[in-house]
Amino acid sequence: MAGKRTSRTSFPRRHGRGMNFSRIDEAYVVTYQRAMVKILVKLQNGEEMEGRLTSFNPRLPVFHLESDGDGGTSRRVAVAMNSVRSVFFLKKESEAGSIVHTEKIDQSVLAGVHGVRLDVEFKDGETCHGTAHKYNPNDTGFYLVPLNPAERFDRIYINAAAVKNVACRRLMGDILLEQNKITQKQLYDALMYQRQQKKRMIGDILTEKNYINHEQLQEGLRRQKIHARFLGEILLEAGYITEDQLVIALRTQHENRNKKLGQILVELKYLAPNDICIALSTQLNLPWADLSNQDVPAEIVRALPEDVIRNLQVFPIELRDDILVVASCKPEEPGLKGEIGKHTDFGIELVVAYDGYILELINRYFTRGPL
């Protein structure tokens, strides 16, 4: 059912399929035109519930969630808005499928330069990061669009009463648009051009500018050693972190040399673990896996001996025909794939995963006795 438009100001349709976003006295009402949309509600008392809804108005004291009951029936639950911490509007494709992702960080570049960047810390200690068209600390709540294109949800409503702190910074695209210096199309075209230019080889640019000749280029290519882009550079370019945050993280890493940059960025609450995964995936050109709150079938876990899993800090997560998908926080390590392959008859595919999640799985599956 289409929502009644009460104002000329509305969100672009790109924020959701079949959604209308209308502004009413600084509150946003969401109505879904085609079908009920699945959401995940996190309450301030720590409870969670999933269900479906047809409309959502944060200015009303209650919204109704339809969830599955016993015997294939459905039940309607009233949820008090003042009890809500956050509401996640789930993507349709998030309900099923592999936990392995192929998305890369450059797919989120546009979101990183338009509007405001928000780093939200809840009172319960959890954090989330993303962009918004605007943010007013006096509002009772606000919407956040995640930077990571592989998240299960395409937006979050956040109850300001559940928030401890919000770090907000305006992004360049929003400033230029506000000043009427550029149009939306010009911003998009500029970003696409920037992305294309980053793919050009430095040797081609140097020869184009007549700094070197073709023979010198070929000699240089023969001597070249390929170096991966630094993780911090990738995160900075995509708008996931600021220069100041990177400097603080690098300084912290210098004082704690046994810690990796990604781990520090998560501990400083600048990023979520999956943000690190998608950046590492981009750096290494490998798929990555979201292992948060995941259960792995026992027969897959048994595909590798416990001592191999513990010693190599890896975890088997999927079996595709004769290929065992194994998660690692350092899949680029020389010889790792071959070492794992010695202990199984399956072929091995390595994917990037956050080391903290891998450790959680190891401790969960191997502290409760034999599988």
Protein backbone atom coordinates (compact mmCIF):
# COMPACT_ATOMS: atom_id res chain seq x y z
CA MET A 1 0.00 0.00 0.00
CA ALA A 2 1.52 3.30 -1.05
CA GLY A 3 2.16 5.89 1.60
CA LYS A 4 0.55 9.34 1.51
CA ARG A 5 3.07 12.04 0.63
CA THR A 6 2.95 14.80 3.24
CA SER A 7 5.93 16.83 2.14
CA ARG A 8 7.87 17.62 -1.00
CA THR A 9 11.05 16.37 0.62
CA SER A 10 11.74 12.65 0.30
CA PHE A 11 14.61 10.20 0.30
CA PRO A 12 15.86 8.87 -3.05
CA ARG A 13 14.38 5.50 -4.01
CA ARG A 14 17.86 3.93 -4.10
CA HIS A 15 17.63 3.30 -0.35
CA GLY A 16 15.20 0.42 -0.73
CA ARG A 17 13.14 -1.60 -3.12
CA GLY A 18 9.48 -0.61 -3.16
CA MET A 19 9.88 1.91 -0.33
CA ASN A 20 8.64 5.47 0.08
CA PHE A 21 10.40 7.72 2.58
CA SER A 22 8.35 10.79 3.57
CA ARG A 23 9.40 13.47 5.99
CA ILE A 24 6.90 14.45 8.70
CA ASP A 25 8.02 16.94 11.36
CA GLU A 26 11.61 15.64 11.32
CA ALA A 27 10.47 11.98 11.51
CA TYR A 28 10.64 9.52 8.65
CA VAL A 29 7.75 7.24 7.84
CA VAL A 30 8.47 4.14 5.79
CA THR A 31 5.72 2.41 3.83
CA TYR A 32 6.23 -0.66 1.67
CA GLN A 33 4.30 -0.80 -1.57
CA ARG A 34 4.59 -4.43 -2.65
CA ALA A 35 5.10 -6.80 0.26
CA MET A 36 5.90 -6.96 3.92
CA VAL A 37 9.55 -6.35 4.65
CA LYS A 38 11.60 -8.40 7.06
CA ILE A 39 13.26 -6.58 9.95
CA LEU A 40 15.43 -7.37 12.95
CA VAL A 41 14.62 -5.42 16.10
CA LYS A 42 17.19 -5.07 18.89
CA LEU A 43 15.75 -3.91 22.19
CA GLN A 44 17.55 -1.91 24.85
CA ASN A 45 17.26 -4.83 27.30
CA GLY A 46 19.38 -7.00 24.96
CA GLU A 47 16.52 -9.04 23.47
CA GLU A 48 16.12 -9.47 19.71
CA MET A 49 13.14 -10.32 17.54
CA GLU A 50 12.64 -10.83 13.82
CA GLY A 51 9.46 -10.33 11.87
CA ARG A 52 7.73 -8.45 9.08
CA LEU A 53 5.99 -5.11 8.85
CA THR A 54 4.15 -2.97 6.31
CA SER A 55 4.82 0.45 7.82
CA PHE A 56 7.15 2.03 10.33
CA ASN A 57 6.69 5.46 11.93
CA PRO A 58 9.18 6.22 14.74
CA ARG A 59 7.01 9.12 15.93
CA LEU A 60 4.29 6.71 17.01
CA PRO A 61 4.62 5.07 20.45
CA VAL A 62 4.11 1.54 19.08
CA PHE A 63 4.66 -0.38 15.84
CA HIS A 64 3.41 -3.86 15.05
CA LEU A 65 5.63 -6.75 14.07
CA GLU A 66 4.24 -9.88 12.41
CA SER A 67 6.20 -13.01 13.27
CA ASP A 68 5.81 -16.75 12.75
CA GLY A 69 4.01 -18.66 15.46
CA ASP A 70 3.47 -22.33 16.22
CA GLY A 71 1.98 -24.61 13.59
CA GLY A 72 2.65 -22.30 10.68
CA THR A 73 0.50 -19.53 12.12
CA SER A 74 1.51 -15.89 12.40
CA ARG A 75 1.18 -13.56 15.34
CA ARG A 76 1.17 -9.79 15.63
CA VAL A 77 3.38 -8.30 18.31
CA ALA A 78 3.18 -4.71 19.53
CA VAL A 79 6.64 -3.19 20.07
CA ALA A 80 7.00 -0.05 22.19
CA MET A 81 9.23 2.47 20.45
CA ASN A 82 10.86 3.59 23.71
CA SER A 83 12.07 -0.01 24.27
CA VAL A 84 13.84 -0.16 20.91
CA ARG A 85 17.58 0.20 20.49
CA SER A 86 17.73 -0.22 16.70
CA VAL A 87 15.69 -1.58 13.79
CA PHE A 88 17.48 -3.29 10.89
CA PHE A 89 15.67 -3.37 7.53
CA LEU A 90 16.90 -6.61 6.00
CA LYS A 91 17.65 -7.16 2.34
CA LYS A 92 15.54 -9.76 0.57
CA GLU A 93 18.58 -11.77 -0.45
CA SER A 94 19.88 -11.89 3.13
CA GLU A 95 17.46 -14.60 4.23
CA ALA A 96 19.47 -17.44 2.70
CA GLY A 97 22.68 -18.20 0.89
CA SER A 98 26.39 -18.54 1.46
CA ILE A 99 28.23 -16.72 4.23
CA VAL A 100 31.05 -16.14 1.75
CA HIS A 101 31.02 -12.75 0.03
CA THR A 102 32.65 -11.44 -3.12
CA GLU A 103 31.83 -7.75 -2.64
CA LYS A 104 34.81 -5.40 -2.62
CA ILE A 105 35.26 -2.14 -0.81
CA ASP A 106 35.13 0.05 -3.93
CA GLN A 107 31.43 -0.80 -4.23
CA SER A 108 30.84 1.43 -1.19
CA VAL A 109 32.87 4.46 -2.33
CA LEU A 110 29.79 6.47 -3.34
CA ALA A 111 28.19 6.07 0.09
CA GLY A 112 31.42 7.23 1.69
CA VAL A 113 31.41 10.70 0.12
CA HIS A 114 27.77 11.74 0.15
CA GLY A 115 26.01 13.14 3.24
CA VAL A 116 27.46 12.72 6.74
CA ARG A 117 29.58 9.92 8.13
CA LEU A 118 28.37 8.60 11.50
CA ASP A 119 30.20 6.40 13.99
CA VAL A 120 27.61 5.32 16.56
CA GLU A 121 28.39 3.84 19.96
CA PHE A 122 25.43 2.41 21.86
CA LYS A 123 25.11 2.39 25.63
CA ASP A 124 25.55 -1.39 25.59
CA GLY A 125 29.01 -0.97 24.00
CA GLU A 126 28.12 -2.12 20.47
CA THR A 127 29.05 0.13 17.56
CA CYS A 128 27.86 0.68 13.99
CA HIS A 129 29.15 2.84 11.17
CA GLY A 130 27.64 4.33 8.03
CA THR A 131 26.33 7.41 6.29
CA ALA A 132 23.16 9.48 6.50
CA HIS A 133 21.71 12.32 4.49
CA LYS A 134 21.64 14.43 7.66
CA TYR A 135 22.06 14.12 11.41
CA ASN A 136 20.60 16.26 14.19
CA PRO A 137 21.63 15.32 17.75
CA ASN A 138 18.30 16.71 19.01
CA ASP A 139 16.23 14.23 16.98
CA THR A 140 14.68 11.29 18.81
CA GLY A 141 16.14 8.93 16.22
CA PHE A 142 17.85 8.74 12.85
CA TYR A 143 18.52 6.42 9.92
CA LEU A 144 21.92 5.03 9.00
CA VAL A 145 22.99 3.47 5.68
CA PRO A 146 25.88 0.98 6.16
CA LEU A 147 29.09 1.54 4.24
CA ASN A 148 29.74 -2.16 3.81
CA PRO A 149 27.79 -3.33 0.70
CA ALA A 150 27.63 -6.91 2.01
CA GLU A 151 25.67 -6.15 5.18
CA ARG A 152 22.42 -8.10 5.63
CA PHE A 153 20.49 -4.85 5.92
CA ASP A 154 20.25 -1.77 3.73
CA ARG A 155 19.43 0.69 6.52
CA ILE A 156 19.06 0.97 10.27
CA TYR A 157 16.79 3.12 12.40
CA ILE A 158 18.55 4.08 15.63
CA ASN A 159 16.77 5.26 18.78
CA ALA A 160 18.79 8.20 20.11
CA ALA A 161 17.86 7.26 23.70
CA ALA A 162 19.95 4.07 23.32
CA VAL A 163 23.04 5.91 22.06
CA LYS A 164 26.06 6.83 24.15
CA ASN A 165 28.00 8.79 21.55
CA VAL A 166 27.83 9.76 17.86
CA ALA A 167 30.89 11.00 15.96
CA CYS A 168 29.66 12.94 12.94
CA ARG A 169 31.56 14.48 10.05
CA ARG A 170 30.29 15.99 6.85
CA LEU A 171 31.56 14.42 3.65
CA MET A 172 32.91 16.26 0.63
CA GLY A 173 30.13 15.29 -1.74
CA ASP A 174 27.47 16.74 0.57
CA ILE A 175 29.34 20.01 1.01
CA LEU A 176 29.77 20.53 -2.74
CA LEU A 177 26.14 19.61 -3.43
CA GLU A 178 24.91 22.03 -0.76
CA GLN A 179 26.97 24.86 -2.26
CA ASN A 180 25.51 24.05 -5.71
CA LYS A 181 29.02 23.49 -6.99
CA ILE A 182 28.10 20.11 -8.51
CA THR A 183 25.04 18.01 -9.32
CA GLN A 184 24.26 14.50 -8.18
CA LYS A 185 25.16 13.19 -11.65
CA GLN A 186 28.46 15.11 -11.66
CA LEU A 187 29.36 13.61 -8.28
CA TYR A 188 28.62 10.10 -9.52
CA ASP A 189 30.51 10.62 -12.79
CA ALA A 190 33.53 12.00 -10.92
CA LEU A 191 33.64 9.00 -8.61
CA MET A 192 33.42 6.57 -11.50
CA TYR A 193 36.25 8.39 -13.28
CA GLN A 194 38.36 8.37 -10.11
CA ARG A 195 37.84 4.62 -9.78
CA GLN A 196 38.86 4.05 -13.39
CA GLN A 197 42.00 6.15 -13.01
CA LYS A 198 43.09 4.14 -9.97
CA LYS A 199 43.13 1.06 -12.19
CA ARG A 200 45.60 2.60 -14.63
CA MET A 201 49.14 1.32 -14.33
CA ILE A 202 51.76 3.85 -13.26
CA GLY A 203 53.96 2.73 -16.13
CA ASP A 204 51.27 3.64 -18.68
CA ILE A 205 50.86 7.09 -17.14
CA LEU A 206 54.62 7.73 -17.14
CA THR A 207 54.97 6.78 -20.80
CA GLU A 208 51.88 8.83 -21.73
CA LYS A 209 53.53 11.90 -20.20
CA ASN A 210 56.83 11.07 -21.94
CA TYR A 211 58.64 10.68 -18.62
CA ILE A 212 59.97 7.29 -19.76
CA ASN A 213 60.04 5.49 -23.11
CA HIS A 214 58.67 2.06 -24.02
CA GLU A 215 62.01 0.27 -23.56
CA GLN A 216 62.47 1.77 -20.11
CA LEU A 217 58.95 0.68 -19.22
CA GLN A 218 59.59 -2.93 -20.26
CA GLU A 219 62.85 -2.99 -18.28
CA GLY A 220 61.04 -1.64 -15.25
CA LEU A 221 58.33 -4.30 -15.56
CA ARG A 222 60.97 -7.02 -15.62
CA ARG A 223 62.48 -5.70 -12.41
CA GLN A 224 59.20 -4.89 -10.74
CA LYS A 225 58.20 -6.47 -7.45
CA ILE A 226 54.49 -6.37 -6.84
CA HIS A 227 53.44 -4.83 -3.54
CA ALA A 228 49.89 -5.00 -2.21
CA ARG A 229 48.16 -1.77 -1.33
CA PHE A 230 48.32 -0.99 2.36
CA LEU A 231 45.18 -1.80 4.35
CA GLY A 232 45.03 1.72 5.80
CA GLU A 233 45.21 3.24 2.32
CA ILE A 234 42.28 1.13 1.11
CA LEU A 235 40.13 2.07 4.12
CA LEU A 236 41.04 5.74 3.77
CA GLU A 237 40.23 5.90 0.06
CA ALA A 238 36.83 4.28 0.59
CA GLY A 239 35.88 6.74 3.35
CA TYR A 240 35.75 4.09 6.08
CA ILE A 241 38.24 5.98 8.27
CA THR A 242 39.70 9.49 8.45
CA GLU A 243 43.36 10.44 8.28
CA ASP A 244 43.29 11.31 11.98
CA GLN A 245 41.87 7.89 12.85
CA LEU A 246 44.50 6.16 10.74
CA VAL A 247 47.29 8.13 12.43
CA ILE A 248 45.98 7.21 15.89
CA ALA A 249 45.67 3.54 14.90
CA LEU A 250 49.19 3.43 13.43
CA ARG A 251 50.60 5.07 16.55
CA THR A 252 48.80 2.49 18.69
CA GLN A 253 50.17 -0.30 16.50
CA HIS A 254 53.69 1.08 16.92
CA GLU A 255 53.25 0.77 20.69
CA ASN A 256 51.69 -2.71 20.37
CA ARG A 257 53.65 -4.42 17.62
CA ASN A 258 51.98 -7.78 18.22
CA LYS A 259 48.61 -6.36 17.12
CA LYS A 260 47.44 -5.97 13.53
CA LEU A 261 46.05 -2.71 12.21
CA GLY A 262 42.59 -4.18 11.62
CA GLN A 263 42.37 -5.44 15.19
CA ILE A 264 43.33 -2.01 16.51
CA LEU A 265 40.76 -0.21 14.34
CA VAL A 266 38.06 -2.50 15.74
CA GLU A 267 39.26 -2.07 19.34
CA LEU A 268 39.22 1.72 18.89
CA LYS A 269 35.62 1.32 17.64
CA TYR A 270 36.44 3.06 14.38
CA LEU A 271 35.27 0.06 12.34
CA ALA A 272 33.35 -3.19 12.61
CA PRO A 273 35.09 -6.55 12.04
CA ASN A 274 33.39 -7.06 8.67
CA ASP A 275 34.70 -3.69 7.49
CA ILE A 276 38.20 -5.05 8.03
CA CYS A 277 37.28 -8.22 6.14
CA ILE A 278 36.06 -6.42 3.04
CA ALA A 279 39.18 -4.23 3.02
CA LEU A 280 41.48 -7.27 3.33
CA SER A 281 39.44 -8.99 0.64
CA THR A 282 40.04 -6.02 -1.63
CA GLN A 283 43.74 -5.94 -0.76
CA LEU A 284 44.26 -9.67 -1.42
CA ASN A 285 41.64 -10.09 -4.16
CA LEU A 286 40.01 -12.98 -2.30
CA PRO A 287 36.44 -13.68 -1.11
CA TRP A 288 35.63 -13.06 2.54
CA ALA A 289 33.28 -14.61 5.10
CA ASP A 290 31.06 -13.10 7.75
CA LEU A 291 31.50 -15.46 10.70
CA SER A 292 29.59 -13.42 13.27
CA ASN A 293 26.97 -15.55 15.04
CA GLN A 294 27.49 -18.43 12.61
CA ASP A 295 26.90 -22.12 13.17
CA VAL A 296 28.93 -24.59 11.11
CA PRO A 297 27.65 -28.15 10.56
CA ALA A 298 29.63 -30.72 12.55
CA GLU A 299 30.52 -32.77 9.47
CA ILE A 300 32.27 -29.73 7.95
CA VAL A 301 34.18 -28.95 11.14
CA ARG A 302 35.35 -32.59 11.23
CA ALA A 303 36.91 -32.18 7.76
CA LEU A 304 40.08 -30.89 9.47
CA PRO A 305 41.80 -32.17 12.65
CA GLU A 306 41.43 -29.98 15.72
CA ASP A 307 45.19 -29.53 16.15
CA VAL A 308 45.50 -28.26 12.55
CA ILE A 309 42.66 -25.80 13.10
CA ARG A 310 44.19 -24.53 16.33
CA ASN A 311 47.80 -24.38 15.14
CA LEU A 312 47.01 -22.63 11.86
CA GLN A 313 44.19 -20.49 13.31
CA VAL A 314 41.82 -21.44 10.49
CA PHE A 315 38.27 -22.80 10.38
CA PRO A 316 36.40 -24.89 7.76
CA ILE A 317 33.06 -23.22 7.02
CA GLU A 318 31.57 -24.67 3.83
CA LEU A 319 31.82 -27.69 1.54
CA ARG A 320 31.12 -27.15 -2.15
CA ASP A 321 31.27 -30.45 -4.01
CA ASP A 322 34.91 -31.47 -3.48
CA ILE A 323 36.12 -28.04 -2.29
CA LEU A 324 36.49 -27.24 1.40
CA VAL A 325 36.16 -23.52 2.09
CA VAL A 326 38.49 -22.53 4.91
CA ALA A 327 38.48 -19.16 6.68
CA SER A 328 41.73 -17.48 7.71
CA CYS A 329 42.76 -14.01 8.84
CA LYS A 330 46.01 -14.38 6.87
CA PRO A 331 45.19 -16.40 3.73
CA GLU A 332 48.08 -14.80 1.87
CA GLU A 333 50.62 -16.58 4.11
CA PRO A 334 52.97 -18.65 1.92
CA GLY A 335 52.35 -22.38 2.11
CA LEU A 336 49.15 -22.12 4.16
CA LYS A 337 46.90 -23.67 1.52
CA GLY A 338 49.31 -26.55 0.95
CA GLU A 339 49.69 -27.22 4.67
CA ILE A 340 45.92 -27.43 5.13
CA GLY A 341 45.66 -29.68 2.07
CA LYS A 342 47.94 -32.27 3.67
CA HIS A 343 45.21 -33.10 6.20
CA THR A 344 42.19 -33.58 3.94
CA ASP A 345 41.25 -35.18 0.64
CA PHE A 346 39.22 -32.12 -0.36
CA GLY A 347 40.52 -29.27 -2.46
CA ILE A 348 41.04 -26.06 -0.47
CA GLU A 349 39.65 -22.58 -1.07
CA LEU A 350 40.87 -19.88 1.32
CA VAL A 351 38.72 -16.91 2.26
CA VAL A 352 39.36 -13.89 4.47
CA ALA A 353 37.72 -13.77 7.91
CA TYR A 354 38.13 -11.72 11.07
CA ASP A 355 40.55 -13.38 13.49
CA GLY A 356 38.33 -12.70 16.51
CA TYR A 357 35.43 -14.56 14.91
CA ILE A 358 37.68 -17.49 13.98
CA LEU A 359 38.88 -17.74 17.57
CA GLU A 360 35.29 -17.65 18.84
CA LEU A 361 34.38 -20.58 16.57
CA ILE A 362 37.43 -22.58 17.68
CA ASN A 363 36.63 -22.06 21.34
CA ARG A 364 32.94 -22.83 20.82
CA TYR A 365 33.38 -26.06 18.87
CA PHE A 366 36.40 -27.51 20.64
CA THR A 367 35.66 -26.84 24.30
CA ARG A 368 32.52 -28.96 24.41
CA GLY A 369 34.03 -32.36 23.67
CA PRO A 370 34.19 -34.43 20.48
CA LEU A 371 31.87 -33.46 17.64
